[in-house]
């Protein structure tokens, strides 16, 4: 005999969702006596899956979290490198035409300068 259908509330959470605006998206999770997991996303969508589907979703979200952390770390590293580069190469007030330094403005085809690296 099958037991009567019953649904057990697990948790409600409101997540940031760009489509929902400031109100966010309400997410509710339930487990029922048919051994299914019910994930309600707002008032218009429900995911109803078994334990295997739940584990797949968990794996997907875990991989996404790891990748998001990698992207965040990469962006922070790039910002730090940009700051270090600016500190090591401060803008010079002695810029020639087009924002080039004196060394970059040398005409390498000028025969007087081409053999004299000290004057580059």
C-alpha atoms as a PDB file:
ATOM      1  CA  UNK A   1       0.000   0.000   0.000  1.00  0.00           C
ATOM      2  CA  UNK A   2       1.286   3.430  -0.915  1.00  0.00           C
ATOM      3  CA  UNK A   3       1.341   5.999   1.824  1.00  0.00           C
ATOM      4  CA  UNK A   4      -0.734   9.113   1.269  1.00  0.00           C
ATOM      5  CA  UNK A   5       1.007  11.822  -0.677  1.00  0.00           C
ATOM      6  CA  UNK A   6       2.739  14.262   1.606  1.00  0.00           C
ATOM      7  CA  UNK A   7       5.117  17.144   0.933  1.00  0.00           C
ATOM      8  CA  UNK A   8       7.806  18.259   3.392  1.00  0.00           C
ATOM      9  CA  UNK A   9       9.051  21.840   3.307  1.00  0.00           C
ATOM     10  CA  UNK A  10      12.842  22.111   3.394  1.00  0.00           C
ATOM     11  CA  UNK A  11      13.680  25.778   2.948  1.00  0.00           C
ATOM     12  CA  UNK A  12      12.749  29.099   1.347  1.00  0.00           C
ATOM     13  CA  UNK A  13      15.315  31.544   0.071  1.00  0.00           C
ATOM     14  CA  UNK A  14      15.239  34.734  -1.983  1.00  0.00           C
ATOM     15  CA  UNK A  15      18.063  34.982  -4.509  1.00  0.00           C
ATOM     16  CA  UNK A  16      19.342  37.845  -6.629  1.00  0.00           C
ATOM     17  CA  UNK A  17      17.960  37.504 -10.145  1.00  0.00           C
ATOM     18  CA  UNK A  18      18.352  40.174 -12.801  1.00  0.00           C
ATOM     19  CA  UNK A  19      14.965  39.377 -14.337  1.00  0.00           C
ATOM     20  CA  UNK A  20      13.157  39.806 -11.005  1.00  0.00           C
ATOM     21  CA  UNK A  21      14.624  43.205 -10.186  1.00  0.00           C
ATOM     22  CA  UNK A  22      14.979  44.399  -6.606  1.00  0.00           C
ATOM     23  CA  UNK A  23      12.493  41.879  -5.252  1.00  0.00           C
ATOM     24  CA  UNK A  24      14.720  38.941  -6.237  1.00  0.00           C
ATOM     25  CA  UNK A  25      13.452  35.439  -6.943  1.00  0.00           C
ATOM     26  CA  UNK A  26      11.743  33.315  -4.308  1.00  0.00           C
ATOM     27  CA  UNK A  27      12.997  29.728  -4.275  1.00  0.00           C
ATOM     28  CA  UNK A  28      11.242  27.045  -2.223  1.00  0.00           C
ATOM     29  CA  UNK A  29      12.401  23.446  -1.835  1.00  0.00           C
ATOM     30  CA  UNK A  30      10.226  20.488  -0.831  1.00  0.00           C
ATOM     31  CA  UNK A  31      10.600  16.709  -0.679  1.00  0.00           C
ATOM     32  CA  UNK A  32       7.582  14.479  -1.146  1.00  0.00           C
ATOM     33  CA  UNK A  33       6.603  10.911  -0.342  1.00  0.00           C
ATOM     34  CA  UNK A  34       7.057   9.923  -4.008  1.00  0.00           C
ATOM     35  CA  UNK A  35      10.796  10.459  -3.403  1.00  0.00           C
ATOM     36  CA  UNK A  36      10.918  13.563  -5.563  1.00  0.00           C
ATOM     37  CA  UNK A  37      12.536  16.909  -4.907  1.00  0.00           C
ATOM     38  CA  UNK A  38      10.443  19.953  -5.799  1.00  0.00           C
ATOM     39  CA  UNK A  39      12.228  23.229  -6.458  1.00  0.00           C
ATOM     40  CA  UNK A  40       9.833  26.124  -7.006  1.00  0.00           C
ATOM     41  CA  UNK A  41      11.379  29.097  -8.780  1.00  0.00           C
ATOM     42  CA  UNK A  42       9.087  32.048  -8.247  1.00  0.00           C
ATOM     43  CA  UNK A  43       5.468  31.431  -9.119  1.00  0.00           C
ATOM     44  CA  UNK A  44       5.981  30.261 -12.691  1.00  0.00           C
ATOM     45  CA  UNK A  45       8.457  27.366 -12.682  1.00  0.00           C
ATOM     46  CA  UNK A  46       8.923  24.134 -10.753  1.00  0.00           C
ATOM     47  CA  UNK A  47      11.651  21.533 -11.121  1.00  0.00           C
ATOM     48  CA  UNK A  48      10.539  18.112  -9.932  1.00  0.00           C
ATOM     49  CA  UNK A  49      13.283  15.497 -10.011  1.00  0.00           C
ATOM     50  CA  UNK A  50      14.599  12.461  -8.166  1.00  0.00           C
ATOM     51  CA  UNK A  51      17.768  12.064  -6.135  1.00  0.00           C
ATOM     52  CA  UNK A  52      19.912  11.505  -9.253  1.00  0.00           C
ATOM     53  CA  UNK A  53      18.648  14.748 -10.787  1.00  0.00           C
ATOM     54  CA  UNK A  54      19.317  16.550  -7.533  1.00  0.00           C
ATOM     55  CA  UNK A  55      22.892  15.235  -7.461  1.00  0.00           C
ATOM     56  CA  UNK A  56      23.393  16.351 -11.078  1.00  0.00           C
ATOM     57  CA  UNK A  57      22.112  19.831 -10.206  1.00  0.00           C
ATOM     58  CA  UNK A  58      24.367  19.919  -7.151  1.00  0.00           C
ATOM     59  CA  UNK A  59      27.373  18.994  -9.336  1.00  0.00           C
ATOM     60  CA  UNK A  60      26.468  21.643 -11.912  1.00  0.00           C
ATOM     61  CA  UNK A  61      26.142  24.363  -9.267  1.00  0.00           C
ATOM     62  CA  UNK A  62      29.386  23.281  -7.600  1.00  0.00           C
ATOM     63  CA  UNK A  63      31.270  23.473 -10.907  1.00  0.00           C
ATOM     64  CA  UNK A  64      29.738  26.878 -11.591  1.00  0.00           C
ATOM     65  CA  UNK A  65      30.837  28.090  -8.140  1.00  0.00           C
ATOM     66  CA  UNK A  66      34.397  26.863  -8.722  1.00  0.00           C
ATOM     67  CA  UNK A  67      34.539  28.578 -12.128  1.00  0.00           C
ATOM     68  CA  UNK A  68      33.092  31.781 -10.689  1.00  0.00           C
ATOM     69  CA  UNK A  69      35.805  31.744  -8.026  1.00  0.00           C
ATOM     70  CA  UNK A  70      38.465  31.255 -10.732  1.00  0.00           C
ATOM     71  CA  UNK A  71      37.086  34.197 -12.732  1.00  0.00           C
ATOM     72  CA  UNK A  72      36.987  36.370  -9.612  1.00  0.00           C
ATOM     73  CA  UNK A  73      40.577  35.433  -8.692  1.00  0.00           C
ATOM     74  CA  UNK A  74      41.752  36.072 -12.258  1.00  0.00           C
ATOM     75  CA  UNK A  75      40.101  39.516 -12.321  1.00  0.00           C
ATOM     76  CA  UNK A  76      41.664  40.445  -8.971  1.00  0.00           C
ATOM     77  CA  UNK A  77      45.090  39.290 -10.230  1.00  0.00           C
ATOM     78  CA  UNK A  78      44.721  41.381 -13.398  1.00  0.00           C
ATOM     79  CA  UNK A  79      43.781  44.439 -11.328  1.00  0.00           C
ATOM     80  CA  UNK A  80      46.845  43.952  -9.114  1.00  0.00           C
ATOM     81  CA  UNK A  81      49.097  43.529 -12.154  1.00  0.00           C
ATOM     82  CA  UNK A  82      47.679  46.707 -13.683  1.00  0.00           C
ATOM     83  CA  UNK A  83      48.429  48.623 -10.465  1.00  0.00           C
ATOM     84  CA  UNK A  84      51.972  47.217 -10.287  1.00  0.00           C
ATOM     85  CA  UNK A  85      52.544  48.059 -13.952  1.00  0.00           C
ATOM     86  CA  UNK A  86      51.390  51.635 -13.370  1.00  0.00           C
ATOM     87  CA  UNK A  87      53.637  51.926 -10.311  1.00  0.00           C
ATOM     88  CA  UNK A  88      56.649  50.555 -12.199  1.00  0.00           C
ATOM     89  CA  UNK A  89      55.975  52.648 -15.302  1.00  0.00           C
ATOM     90  CA  UNK A  90      54.647  56.002 -14.129  1.00  0.00           C
ATOM     91  CA  UNK A  91      53.429  58.363 -16.817  1.00  0.00           C
ATOM     92  CA  UNK A  92      56.222  60.634 -17.973  1.00  0.00           C
ATOM     93  CA  UNK A  93      55.794  64.357 -18.537  1.00  0.00           C
ATOM     94  CA  UNK A  94      58.415  64.245 -21.304  1.00  0.00           C
ATOM     95  CA  UNK A  95      56.235  62.775 -23.999  1.00  0.00           C
ATOM     96  CA  UNK A  96      56.839  63.595 -27.630  1.00  0.00           C
ATOM     97  CA  UNK A  97      54.339  63.418 -30.465  1.00  0.00           C
ATOM     98  CA  UNK A  98      51.534  60.935 -29.993  1.00  0.00           C
ATOM     99  CA  UNK A  99      52.341  60.345 -26.336  1.00  0.00           C
ATOM    100  CA  UNK A 100      55.626  58.540 -27.064  1.00  0.00           C
ATOM    101  CA  UNK A 101      58.707  58.821 -24.876  1.00  0.00           C
ATOM    102  CA  UNK A 102      61.946  60.392 -26.137  1.00  0.00           C
ATOM    103  CA  UNK A 103      63.380  56.929 -26.832  1.00  0.00           C
ATOM    104  CA  UNK A 104      60.342  55.976 -28.883  1.00  0.00           C
ATOM    105  CA  UNK A 105      60.582  59.177 -30.948  1.00  0.00           C
ATOM    106  CA  UNK A 106      64.047  58.365 -32.324  1.00  0.00           C
ATOM    107  CA  UNK A 107      64.233  58.048 -36.085  1.00  0.00           C
ATOM    108  CA  UNK A 108      66.035  54.727 -36.520  1.00  0.00           C
ATOM    109  CA  UNK A 109      66.799  55.609 -40.113  1.00  0.00           C
ATOM    110  CA  UNK A 110      68.765  58.739 -39.138  1.00  0.00           C
ATOM    111  CA  UNK A 111      72.355  57.772 -39.969  1.00  0.00           C
ATOM    112  CA  UNK A 112      73.732  59.941 -37.131  1.00  0.00           C
ATOM    113  CA  UNK A 113      71.741  57.980 -34.526  1.00  0.00           C
ATOM    114  CA  UNK A 114      71.563  54.495 -36.009  1.00  0.00           C
ATOM    115  CA  UNK A 115      75.004  53.423 -34.760  1.00  0.00           C
ATOM    116  CA  UNK A 116      74.895  55.259 -31.424  1.00  0.00           C
ATOM    117  CA  UNK A 117      72.660  53.454 -28.897  1.00  0.00           C
ATOM    118  CA  UNK A 118      73.470  56.039 -26.224  1.00  0.00           C
ATOM    119  CA  UNK A 119      71.637  58.671 -28.264  1.00  0.00           C
ATOM    120  CA  UNK A 120      68.537  56.524 -28.859  1.00  0.00           C
END
